[in-house]
């Protein structure tokens, strides 16, 4: 996990950058602040290493001439088109019942945003301090938008390792209606050659792949499925259409589309 990182900022945004630096420092990331004359496309190309930058829109992750932040406002057109009937994820997660839901693999938060829009009360769990800070910043910006504000009010961000969080819920005898899992690096599955032939990863995900290591339990999520089954009435796993089953467990039901599918595991009994 990244323990230190450069943060680039133009002079007029130094105060904002110092705020982010303090927040990240409190989460275990050493930030090296660099004041530069102008952060533009040319600057990003000349500074390709993984870093952060701050401007009027807030905090960004940057690398390889690109920059990104979770863009929840860009999801508004999709949210306005969506409905319980039209979204496969809504049927898989039974969103019509307005469930309590833990998204244990946060990513950029787009699925959580959609599920909250369709009625779920979402706990969004992320352990990486930089990604969590990006999500936190995005949520604060979304709270200022009249359309997004009531939606993000149904999203609770938790800074924690997902495995630890699920274990804690089990220890405290807490249950939820749904745990949702979307593992970050499914291309390492047995069907990796077929999966790699799918469309190239979008810019945002390319930068996430640079930030997050392709090893450890956070990526494939096998252990998360087992932990989730202890506290959830339903565990839903998003997979590329051709991917193997998570933890080699065959689901009780599937919803399949052209590019992905949702595997569902229903629990007869969870902890009392």
Protein backbone atom coordinates (compact mmCIF):
# COMPACT_ATOMS: atom_id res chain seq x y z
CA UNK A 1 0.00 0.00 0.00
CA UNK A 2 1.21 3.53 -0.78
CA UNK A 3 2.83 5.02 2.35
CA UNK A 4 4.10 8.28 0.83
CA UNK A 5 3.05 10.33 -2.18
CA UNK A 6 3.66 13.69 -3.87
CA UNK A 7 0.84 16.22 -3.84
CA UNK A 8 1.07 18.93 -6.51
CA UNK A 9 -0.74 22.22 -6.04
CA UNK A 10 -0.86 25.64 -7.64
CA UNK A 11 -0.17 28.56 -5.27
CA UNK A 12 -3.81 29.67 -4.95
CA UNK A 13 -4.91 26.26 -3.63
CA UNK A 14 -2.17 25.75 -1.01
CA UNK A 15 -4.55 26.04 1.95
CA UNK A 16 -6.82 23.38 0.48
CA UNK A 17 -3.81 21.14 -0.23
CA UNK A 18 -2.58 21.50 3.36
CA UNK A 19 -5.99 20.32 4.55
CA UNK A 20 -5.80 17.17 2.41
CA UNK A 21 -2.20 16.63 3.54
CA UNK A 22 -3.28 16.71 7.18
CA UNK A 23 -6.19 14.33 6.54
CA UNK A 24 -3.98 11.82 4.72
CA UNK A 25 -1.26 12.09 7.34
CA UNK A 26 -3.83 11.13 9.96
CA UNK A 27 -4.57 8.05 7.86
CA UNK A 28 -0.96 6.93 7.63
CA UNK A 29 0.13 8.51 4.33
CA UNK A 30 3.18 10.77 4.24
CA UNK A 31 2.42 13.61 1.82
CA UNK A 32 5.18 15.59 0.15
CA UNK A 33 3.66 18.92 -0.88
CA UNK A 34 5.00 20.47 -4.10
CA UNK A 35 3.85 23.94 -5.14
CA UNK A 36 4.02 24.29 -8.93
CA UNK A 37 3.20 27.12 -11.31
CA UNK A 38 0.55 25.33 -13.38
CA UNK A 39 -1.04 21.89 -13.34
CA UNK A 40 -2.13 21.20 -16.90
CA UNK A 41 -1.95 18.37 -19.44
CA UNK A 42 1.69 19.13 -20.23
CA UNK A 43 2.66 19.11 -16.55
CA UNK A 44 0.94 15.76 -16.04
CA UNK A 45 2.75 14.25 -19.04
CA UNK A 46 6.11 15.47 -17.69
CA UNK A 47 5.36 14.08 -14.23
CA UNK A 48 4.05 10.59 -14.95
CA UNK A 49 4.69 9.06 -11.52
CA UNK A 50 1.73 8.27 -9.30
CA UNK A 51 0.76 11.34 -7.30
CA UNK A 52 -2.04 13.62 -6.18
CA UNK A 53 -3.03 17.11 -7.26
CA UNK A 54 -5.43 19.74 -5.95
CA UNK A 55 -7.45 22.32 -7.84
CA UNK A 56 -10.79 24.11 -7.53
CA UNK A 57 -12.59 20.76 -7.99
CA UNK A 58 -10.78 19.17 -5.05
CA UNK A 59 -8.42 16.21 -4.78
CA UNK A 60 -7.30 14.15 -7.80
CA UNK A 61 -5.21 11.03 -8.33
CA UNK A 62 -2.77 11.49 -11.21
CA UNK A 63 -0.31 9.32 -13.17
CA UNK A 64 0.80 8.65 -16.74
CA UNK A 65 -0.48 12.02 -17.98
CA UNK A 66 -3.98 11.42 -16.59
CA UNK A 67 -5.89 12.52 -13.53
CA UNK A 68 -9.08 11.22 -12.02
CA UNK A 69 -11.42 11.50 -9.06
CA UNK A 70 -14.63 9.57 -8.39
CA UNK A 71 -17.08 11.61 -10.46
CA UNK A 72 -20.51 11.09 -8.94
CA UNK A 73 -21.99 14.10 -10.73
CA UNK A 74 -21.19 12.45 -14.07
CA UNK A 75 -23.42 9.55 -12.99
CA UNK A 76 -26.54 11.72 -12.77
CA UNK A 77 -27.80 10.95 -16.32
CA UNK A 78 -27.52 7.21 -15.62
CA UNK A 79 -29.28 7.61 -12.29
CA UNK A 80 -32.15 9.50 -13.91
CA UNK A 81 -32.57 6.70 -16.50
CA UNK A 82 -32.39 3.90 -13.97
CA UNK A 83 -35.24 2.01 -12.35
CA UNK A 84 -35.75 -1.12 -10.31
CA UNK A 85 -36.96 -2.94 -13.42
CA UNK A 86 -34.25 -1.74 -15.81
CA UNK A 87 -31.17 -2.38 -13.64
CA UNK A 88 -29.91 -5.93 -13.27
CA UNK A 89 -28.10 -4.96 -10.06
CA UNK A 90 -31.44 -3.86 -8.60
CA UNK A 91 -32.99 -7.27 -9.16
CA UNK A 92 -29.89 -9.08 -7.88
CA UNK A 93 -29.78 -7.01 -4.67
CA UNK A 94 -33.56 -6.88 -4.23
CA UNK A 95 -33.45 -3.09 -4.08
CA UNK A 96 -37.22 -2.84 -4.31
CA UNK A 97 -37.30 -3.81 -0.63
CA UNK A 98 -34.98 -0.86 0.26
CA UNK A 99 -32.44 -3.14 1.96
CA UNK A 100 -29.63 -2.39 4.37
CA UNK A 101 -26.55 -3.08 2.27
CA UNK A 102 -22.78 -3.25 2.76
CA UNK A 103 -20.64 -2.57 -0.31
CA UNK A 104 -17.40 -4.22 0.81
CA UNK A 105 -15.44 -3.42 -2.37
CA UNK A 106 -15.90 0.32 -2.76
CA UNK A 107 -13.96 1.13 -5.94
CA UNK A 108 -15.14 4.53 -7.19
CA UNK A 109 -18.50 4.18 -5.47
CA UNK A 110 -20.60 4.22 -8.65
CA UNK A 111 -22.50 1.02 -7.83
CA UNK A 112 -23.17 2.25 -4.29
CA UNK A 113 -24.47 5.52 -5.69
CA UNK A 114 -26.88 3.68 -7.99
CA UNK A 115 -28.04 1.33 -5.24
CA UNK A 116 -28.63 4.24 -2.86
CA UNK A 117 -30.59 6.04 -5.59
CA UNK A 118 -32.79 2.98 -5.98
CA UNK A 119 -33.54 2.84 -2.27
CA UNK A 120 -30.78 0.98 -0.42
CA UNK A 121 -29.17 2.20 2.78
CA UNK A 122 -25.52 1.67 1.85
CA UNK A 123 -22.46 1.25 4.02
CA UNK A 124 -19.47 1.78 1.73
CA UNK A 125 -16.26 0.24 3.10
CA UNK A 126 -12.77 1.17 1.85
CA UNK A 127 -9.42 0.50 3.49
CA UNK A 128 -7.03 2.37 1.20
CA UNK A 129 -6.44 5.82 2.77
CA UNK A 130 -6.02 7.66 -0.54
CA UNK A 131 -9.03 6.08 -2.22
CA UNK A 132 -11.11 6.62 0.93
CA UNK A 133 -10.11 10.30 1.00
CA UNK A 134 -11.06 10.66 -2.67
CA UNK A 135 -14.45 9.08 -1.96
CA UNK A 136 -14.97 11.28 1.10
CA UNK A 137 -14.18 14.39 -0.95
CA UNK A 138 -16.56 13.28 -3.69
CA UNK A 139 -19.36 12.67 -1.20
CA UNK A 140 -18.93 16.15 0.31
CA UNK A 141 -19.12 17.70 -3.17
CA UNK A 142 -22.19 15.62 -4.02
CA UNK A 143 -23.95 16.87 -0.87
CA UNK A 144 -23.99 20.33 -2.47
CA UNK A 145 -25.89 19.06 -5.54
CA UNK A 146 -29.68 19.23 -5.25
CA UNK A 147 -30.21 15.95 -7.12
CA UNK A 148 -27.44 13.96 -5.43
CA UNK A 149 -27.88 15.28 -1.89
CA UNK A 150 -30.77 13.00 -0.81
CA UNK A 151 -29.01 10.04 -2.47
CA UNK A 152 -25.63 10.43 -0.76
CA UNK A 153 -27.46 10.89 2.55
CA UNK A 154 -28.16 7.15 2.26
CA UNK A 155 -24.43 6.34 1.89
CA UNK A 156 -22.27 5.91 4.99
CA UNK A 157 -18.52 5.78 4.35
CA UNK A 158 -16.41 3.56 6.60
CA UNK A 159 -12.60 3.65 6.62
CA UNK A 160 -11.75 0.04 7.35
CA UNK A 161 -10.42 -3.17 5.91
CA UNK A 162 -13.51 -4.96 4.60
CA UNK A 163 -12.54 -8.30 6.11
CA UNK A 164 -12.04 -6.70 9.52
CA UNK A 165 -15.32 -4.82 9.21
CA UNK A 166 -17.30 -7.95 8.31
CA UNK A 167 -15.67 -9.87 11.18
CA UNK A 168 -16.60 -7.04 13.53
CA UNK A 169 -20.23 -7.13 12.40
CA UNK A 170 -20.34 -10.88 13.02
CA UNK A 171 -18.73 -10.48 16.45
CA UNK A 172 -21.32 -7.85 17.37
CA UNK A 173 -24.14 -10.06 16.05
CA UNK A 174 -25.15 -7.44 13.47
CA UNK A 175 -26.89 -8.56 10.30
CA UNK A 176 -27.71 -6.84 7.01
CA UNK A 177 -29.99 -7.67 4.13
CA UNK A 178 -27.26 -7.64 1.46
CA UNK A 179 -23.47 -7.67 1.15
CA UNK A 180 -22.31 -6.62 -2.31
CA UNK A 181 -18.91 -7.64 -3.69
CA UNK A 182 -17.23 -6.45 -6.87
CA UNK A 183 -13.60 -7.69 -6.69
CA UNK A 184 -11.06 -5.33 -8.21
CA UNK A 185 -8.91 -7.69 -10.29
CA UNK A 186 -11.01 -10.55 -11.68
CA UNK A 187 -8.62 -10.97 -14.64
CA UNK A 188 -6.47 -13.20 -12.44
CA UNK A 189 -9.16 -15.90 -12.54
CA UNK A 190 -8.79 -19.15 -14.47
CA UNK A 191 -10.57 -17.71 -17.50
CA UNK A 192 -8.14 -14.81 -17.63
CA UNK A 193 -7.43 -15.03 -21.37
CA UNK A 194 -11.10 -14.71 -22.26
CA UNK A 195 -11.61 -11.92 -19.75
CA UNK A 196 -8.62 -9.95 -21.02
CA UNK A 197 -10.27 -9.80 -24.44
CA UNK A 198 -13.02 -7.60 -23.02
CA UNK A 199 -12.96 -3.83 -23.52
CA UNK A 200 -9.92 -1.99 -22.18
CA UNK A 201 -10.10 -0.62 -18.68
CA UNK A 202 -11.35 2.95 -18.54
CA UNK A 203 -9.02 5.76 -17.52
CA UNK A 204 -10.35 5.91 -13.97
CA UNK A 205 -9.79 2.21 -13.46
CA UNK A 206 -6.32 2.38 -15.01
CA UNK A 207 -5.29 4.82 -12.31
CA UNK A 208 -6.91 2.71 -9.61
CA UNK A 209 -4.88 -0.26 -10.80
CA UNK A 210 -1.73 1.81 -10.30
CA UNK A 211 -2.82 2.80 -6.80
CA UNK A 212 -4.01 -0.59 -5.56
CA UNK A 213 -1.69 -3.62 -5.41
CA UNK A 214 -2.64 -6.70 -7.39
CA UNK A 215 -2.08 -9.02 -4.48
CA UNK A 216 -3.67 -9.81 -1.17
CA UNK A 217 -7.20 -10.54 -0.09
CA UNK A 218 -8.58 -7.17 -1.14
CA UNK A 219 -8.43 -8.03 -4.81
CA UNK A 220 -9.98 -11.41 -5.46
CA UNK A 221 -12.36 -11.28 -2.51
CA UNK A 222 -12.57 -15.03 -1.85
CA UNK A 223 -12.40 -14.56 1.91
CA UNK A 224 -14.92 -11.72 1.76
CA UNK A 225 -17.59 -14.04 0.37
CA UNK A 226 -17.18 -16.42 3.29
CA UNK A 227 -17.25 -13.60 5.84
CA UNK A 228 -20.23 -11.93 4.17
CA UNK A 229 -22.25 -15.13 4.30
CA UNK A 230 -22.07 -15.02 8.10
CA UNK A 231 -23.96 -11.73 8.41
CA UNK A 232 -26.06 -11.24 5.24
CA UNK A 233 -29.35 -12.71 4.10
CA UNK A 234 -28.08 -12.31 0.54
CA UNK A 235 -24.56 -11.94 -0.86
CA UNK A 236 -24.31 -10.61 -4.41
CA UNK A 237 -21.05 -10.86 -6.37
CA UNK A 238 -20.50 -8.90 -9.59
CA UNK A 239 -18.34 -10.85 -12.04
CA UNK A 240 -17.21 -10.58 -15.66
CA UNK A 241 -19.54 -12.84 -17.63
CA UNK A 242 -16.88 -15.51 -18.21
CA UNK A 243 -15.19 -15.41 -14.80
CA UNK A 244 -15.03 -18.38 -12.46
CA UNK A 245 -17.13 -18.41 -9.30
CA UNK A 246 -15.75 -16.49 -6.34
CA UNK A 247 -14.15 -18.86 -3.80
CA UNK A 248 -15.21 -21.69 -6.18
CA UNK A 249 -18.72 -21.49 -4.73
CA UNK A 250 -21.55 -22.02 -7.17
CA UNK A 251 -24.28 -19.43 -6.58
CA UNK A 252 -27.94 -20.25 -6.03
CA UNK A 253 -28.99 -17.80 -8.72
CA UNK A 254 -27.49 -15.66 -11.47
CA UNK A 255 -28.47 -12.61 -13.47
CA UNK A 256 -26.40 -12.38 -16.67
CA UNK A 257 -25.80 -9.60 -19.18
CA UNK A 258 -23.52 -9.19 -22.17
CA UNK A 259 -20.42 -8.16 -20.20
CA UNK A 260 -21.07 -9.10 -16.59
CA UNK A 261 -23.22 -11.20 -14.34
CA UNK A 262 -24.41 -11.10 -10.73
CA UNK A 263 -24.04 -14.26 -8.64
CA UNK A 264 -26.35 -14.48 -5.63
CA UNK A 265 -25.92 -16.56 -2.48
CA UNK A 266 -28.97 -16.78 -0.22
CA UNK A 267 -28.60 -17.59 3.45
CA UNK A 268 -31.18 -19.65 5.26
CA UNK A 269 -29.68 -18.71 8.63
CA UNK A 270 -27.41 -15.91 9.69
CA UNK A 271 -26.18 -15.12 13.17
CA UNK A 272 -28.87 -14.36 15.75
